[in-house]
Amino acid sequence: MQNSTGPRVRFAPSPTGFLHVGGARTALYNLLFARREKGTYILRIEDTDVERSRDELSDQILSALDWLGLEHDEGPYRQSRRADLYRAA
């Protein structure tokens, strides 16, 4: 339910640990707000901490969000792969 005129909200977990209840709650609140306001819900993975971020934790977070039924409109965007976009802006 993406709408360019509504708010753009995001959930941006860091894959340095498992998704926890607080993170799931934040994801849910942001999704519900985006839906109510006819906005866009974006999933951004904050994986720029190269020492602690792990691919298997990213996979676990994505699986947990899917299991919870929290479907994003855009993403997942991995911050580690977007540095060139930010430099160009």
N, C-alpha and C. Protein backbone atom coordinates (compact mmCIF):
# COMPACT_ATOMS: atom_id res chain seq x y z
N MET A 1 0.84 -1.17 0.00
CA MET A 1 0.00 0.00 0.00
C MET A 1 0.89 1.24 0.00
N GLN A 2 1.66 1.40 -1.02
CA GLN A 2 2.63 2.48 -1.11
C GLN A 2 1.97 3.74 -1.66
N ASN A 3 2.28 4.89 -1.08
CA ASN A 3 1.71 6.15 -1.52
C ASN A 3 2.77 7.22 -1.42
N SER A 4 3.05 7.88 -2.51
CA SER A 4 4.12 8.88 -2.49
C SER A 4 3.73 10.15 -1.74
N THR A 5 2.45 10.35 -1.46
CA THR A 5 2.05 11.56 -0.75
C THR A 5 1.98 11.35 0.76
N GLY A 6 1.89 10.12 1.20
CA GLY A 6 1.83 9.83 2.63
C GLY A 6 3.22 9.79 3.24
N PRO A 7 3.29 9.61 4.55
CA PRO A 7 4.60 9.56 5.21
C PRO A 7 5.40 8.32 4.82
N ARG A 8 6.70 8.46 4.84
CA ARG A 8 7.61 7.34 4.61
C ARG A 8 8.24 7.02 5.96
N VAL A 9 7.96 5.83 6.46
CA VAL A 9 8.50 5.41 7.75
C VAL A 9 9.36 4.18 7.54
N ARG A 10 10.26 3.94 8.47
CA ARG A 10 11.16 2.81 8.31
C ARG A 10 11.39 2.09 9.62
N PHE A 11 11.76 0.84 9.46
CA PHE A 11 12.28 0.05 10.57
C PHE A 11 13.69 -0.32 10.14
N ALA A 12 14.66 -0.06 11.01
CA ALA A 12 16.07 -0.22 10.64
C ALA A 12 16.82 -1.04 11.69
N PRO A 13 16.61 -2.35 11.71
CA PRO A 13 17.33 -3.18 12.68
C PRO A 13 18.79 -3.34 12.31
N SER A 14 19.61 -3.55 13.31
CA SER A 14 21.02 -3.82 13.12
C SER A 14 21.25 -5.32 13.30
N PRO A 15 21.86 -5.99 12.32
CA PRO A 15 22.05 -7.44 12.42
C PRO A 15 23.25 -7.81 13.29
N THR A 16 23.26 -7.28 14.50
CA THR A 16 24.31 -7.61 15.46
C THR A 16 23.76 -8.52 16.56
N GLY A 17 22.49 -8.87 16.43
CA GLY A 17 21.83 -9.76 17.37
C GLY A 17 20.48 -10.15 16.81
N PHE A 18 19.78 -11.02 17.52
CA PHE A 18 18.48 -11.48 17.07
C PHE A 18 17.43 -10.39 17.23
N LEU A 19 16.37 -10.45 16.42
CA LEU A 19 15.24 -9.55 16.59
C LEU A 19 14.61 -9.84 17.95
N HIS A 20 14.39 -8.81 18.75
CA HIS A 20 13.80 -9.00 20.07
C HIS A 20 12.41 -8.37 20.10
N VAL A 21 11.71 -8.55 21.19
CA VAL A 21 10.33 -8.09 21.31
C VAL A 21 10.23 -6.58 21.09
N GLY A 22 11.16 -5.81 21.63
CA GLY A 22 11.12 -4.36 21.45
C GLY A 22 11.27 -3.97 19.99
N GLY A 23 12.15 -4.64 19.29
CA GLY A 23 12.32 -4.36 17.86
C GLY A 23 11.08 -4.75 17.07
N ALA A 24 10.49 -5.88 17.39
CA ALA A 24 9.27 -6.32 16.72
C ALA A 24 8.13 -5.33 16.97
N ARG A 25 8.05 -4.83 18.19
CA ARG A 25 7.02 -3.84 18.52
C ARG A 25 7.20 -2.57 17.70
N THR A 26 8.44 -2.09 17.60
CA THR A 26 8.72 -0.90 16.81
C THR A 26 8.36 -1.12 15.34
N ALA A 27 8.70 -2.28 14.81
CA ALA A 27 8.36 -2.61 13.42
C ALA A 27 6.84 -2.58 13.23
N LEU A 28 6.11 -3.17 14.17
CA LEU A 28 4.65 -3.21 14.08
C LEU A 28 4.07 -1.80 14.14
N TYR A 29 4.51 -0.98 15.10
CA TYR A 29 3.98 0.38 15.23
C TYR A 29 4.22 1.18 13.95
N ASN A 30 5.42 1.06 13.40
CA ASN A 30 5.73 1.81 12.18
C ASN A 30 4.88 1.33 11.01
N LEU A 31 4.69 0.03 10.90
CA LEU A 31 3.85 -0.52 9.83
C LEU A 31 2.41 -0.04 9.98
N LEU A 32 1.86 -0.12 11.18
CA LEU A 32 0.48 0.31 11.41
C LEU A 32 0.31 1.80 11.13
N PHE A 33 1.28 2.61 11.52
CA PHE A 33 1.22 4.05 11.25
C PHE A 33 1.22 4.30 9.74
N ALA A 34 2.12 3.63 9.03
CA ALA A 34 2.19 3.81 7.57
C ALA A 34 0.86 3.41 6.92
N ARG A 35 0.27 2.32 7.36
CA ARG A 35 -0.99 1.88 6.77
C ARG A 35 -2.12 2.88 7.08
N ARG A 36 -2.19 3.33 8.32
CA ARG A 36 -3.25 4.25 8.71
C ARG A 36 -3.17 5.56 7.94
N GLU A 37 -1.94 6.04 7.73
CA GLU A 37 -1.73 7.33 7.07
C GLU A 37 -1.53 7.19 5.56
N LYS A 38 -1.74 6.00 5.03
CA LYS A 38 -1.56 5.72 3.60
C LYS A 38 -0.16 6.08 3.13
N GLY A 39 0.80 5.65 3.92
CA GLY A 39 2.21 5.92 3.64
C GLY A 39 2.95 4.68 3.17
N THR A 40 4.26 4.75 3.27
CA THR A 40 5.15 3.69 2.81
C THR A 40 5.98 3.19 3.98
N TYR A 41 6.03 1.89 4.14
CA TYR A 41 6.81 1.24 5.20
C TYR A 41 8.07 0.64 4.58
N ILE A 42 9.22 1.11 5.03
CA ILE A 42 10.51 0.73 4.44
C ILE A 42 11.31 -0.09 5.45
N LEU A 43 11.95 -1.13 4.96
CA LEU A 43 12.85 -1.93 5.79
C LEU A 43 14.28 -1.63 5.37
N ARG A 44 15.06 -1.15 6.31
CA ARG A 44 16.47 -0.81 6.07
C ARG A 44 17.32 -1.59 7.07
N ILE A 45 18.27 -2.34 6.57
CA ILE A 45 19.16 -3.12 7.43
C ILE A 45 20.41 -2.29 7.72
N GLU A 46 20.63 -1.97 8.98
CA GLU A 46 21.78 -1.16 9.41
C GLU A 46 23.00 -2.05 9.62
N ASP A 47 23.62 -2.46 8.52
CA ASP A 47 24.73 -3.41 8.59
C ASP A 47 26.10 -2.76 8.36
N THR A 48 26.25 -1.53 8.77
CA THR A 48 27.52 -0.83 8.57
C THR A 48 28.55 -1.13 9.66
N ASP A 49 28.14 -1.76 10.73
CA ASP A 49 29.08 -2.18 11.77
C ASP A 49 29.69 -3.51 11.31
N VAL A 50 30.75 -3.41 10.50
CA VAL A 50 31.30 -4.60 9.85
C VAL A 50 31.89 -5.61 10.83
N GLU A 51 32.28 -5.16 11.99
CA GLU A 51 32.85 -6.08 12.97
C GLU A 51 31.79 -6.96 13.64
N ARG A 52 30.59 -6.42 13.83
CA ARG A 52 29.57 -7.17 14.57
C ARG A 52 28.40 -7.65 13.72
N SER A 53 28.16 -7.04 12.56
CA SER A 53 27.04 -7.45 11.71
C SER A 53 27.32 -8.80 11.08
N ARG A 54 26.28 -9.64 11.02
CA ARG A 54 26.44 -10.98 10.44
C ARG A 54 25.26 -11.27 9.52
N ASP A 55 25.56 -11.88 8.38
CA ASP A 55 24.52 -12.21 7.39
C ASP A 55 23.45 -13.12 7.97
N GLU A 56 23.85 -14.08 8.79
CA GLU A 56 22.85 -15.00 9.34
C GLU A 56 21.87 -14.28 10.28
N LEU A 57 22.33 -13.20 10.92
CA LEU A 57 21.42 -12.42 11.76
C LEU A 57 20.48 -11.58 10.91
N SER A 58 20.96 -11.07 9.78
CA SER A 58 20.06 -10.39 8.83
C SER A 58 18.97 -11.35 8.37
N ASP A 59 19.38 -12.56 8.03
CA ASP A 59 18.41 -13.57 7.58
C ASP A 59 17.40 -13.89 8.68
N GLN A 60 17.87 -13.97 9.92
CA GLN A 60 16.96 -14.26 11.04
C GLN A 60 15.96 -13.13 11.22
N ILE A 61 16.42 -11.89 11.12
CA ILE A 61 15.52 -10.74 11.27
C ILE A 61 14.46 -10.76 10.17
N LEU A 62 14.88 -10.99 8.93
CA LEU A 62 13.93 -11.04 7.82
C LEU A 62 12.92 -12.17 8.01
N SER A 63 13.39 -13.33 8.45
CA SER A 63 12.49 -14.46 8.69
C SER A 63 11.50 -14.16 9.81
N ALA A 64 11.98 -13.53 10.87
CA ALA A 64 11.11 -13.20 12.00
C ALA A 64 10.03 -12.19 11.59
N LEU A 65 10.42 -11.18 10.83
CA LEU A 65 9.44 -10.19 10.37
C LEU A 65 8.40 -10.84 9.45
N ASP A 66 8.86 -11.75 8.61
CA ASP A 66 7.95 -12.48 7.73
C ASP A 66 7.00 -13.34 8.55
N TRP A 67 7.53 -14.05 9.54
CA TRP A 67 6.71 -14.90 10.40
C TRP A 67 5.65 -14.08 11.13
N LEU A 68 6.02 -12.86 11.52
CA LEU A 68 5.08 -11.98 12.21
C LEU A 68 4.07 -11.33 11.27
N GLY A 69 4.28 -11.48 9.97
CA GLY A 69 3.37 -10.89 8.99
C GLY A 69 3.59 -9.42 8.75
N LEU A 70 4.78 -8.92 9.07
CA LEU A 70 5.10 -7.50 8.92
C LEU A 70 5.76 -7.28 7.57
N GLU A 71 4.94 -7.07 6.56
CA GLU A 71 5.41 -6.97 5.18
C GLU A 71 5.75 -5.53 4.82
N HIS A 72 6.96 -5.31 4.36
CA HIS A 72 7.42 -3.97 4.00
C HIS A 72 7.04 -3.64 2.56
N ASP A 73 6.92 -2.33 2.28
CA ASP A 73 6.62 -1.85 0.93
C ASP A 73 7.89 -1.69 0.11
N GLU A 74 8.97 -1.32 0.76
CA GLU A 74 10.26 -1.14 0.09
C GLU A 74 11.35 -1.82 0.90
N GLY A 75 12.38 -2.26 0.20
CA GLY A 75 13.51 -2.87 0.85
C GLY A 75 13.42 -4.39 0.82
N PRO A 76 14.28 -5.03 1.55
CA PRO A 76 15.22 -4.43 2.49
C PRO A 76 16.40 -3.76 1.80
N TYR A 77 16.68 -2.55 2.23
CA TYR A 77 17.85 -1.82 1.77
C TYR A 77 18.97 -2.07 2.78
N ARG A 78 20.08 -2.54 2.30
CA ARG A 78 21.24 -2.79 3.17
C ARG A 78 22.17 -1.59 3.09
N GLN A 79 22.35 -0.93 4.22
CA GLN A 79 23.16 0.29 4.25
C GLN A 79 24.57 0.07 3.73
N SER A 80 25.14 -1.09 3.96
CA SER A 80 26.51 -1.36 3.52
C SER A 80 26.64 -1.33 2.00
N ARG A 81 25.53 -1.47 1.29
CA ARG A 81 25.56 -1.48 -0.18
C ARG A 81 25.12 -0.16 -0.78
N ARG A 82 24.90 0.86 0.04
CA ARG A 82 24.36 2.12 -0.46
C ARG A 82 25.30 3.31 -0.29
N ALA A 83 26.53 3.07 0.10
CA ALA A 83 27.47 4.16 0.35
C ALA A 83 27.66 5.05 -0.88
N ASP A 84 27.73 4.46 -2.06
CA ASP A 84 27.91 5.26 -3.28
C ASP A 84 26.73 6.19 -3.51
N LEU A 85 25.53 5.74 -3.20
CA LEU A 85 24.35 6.60 -3.36
C LEU A 85 24.43 7.81 -2.44
N TYR A 86 24.89 7.61 -1.22
CA TYR A 86 24.99 8.71 -0.27
C TYR A 86 26.10 9.68 -0.65
N ARG A 87 27.20 9.15 -1.14
CA ARG A 87 28.29 10.02 -1.59
C ARG A 87 27.86 10.88 -2.78
N ALA A 88 27.04 10.32 -3.65
CA ALA A 88 26.60 11.03 -4.85
C ALA A 88 25.54 12.10 -4.55
N ALA A 89 24.88 11.97 -3.41
CA ALA A 89 23.79 12.91 -3.08
C ALA A 89 24.29 14.27 -2.65
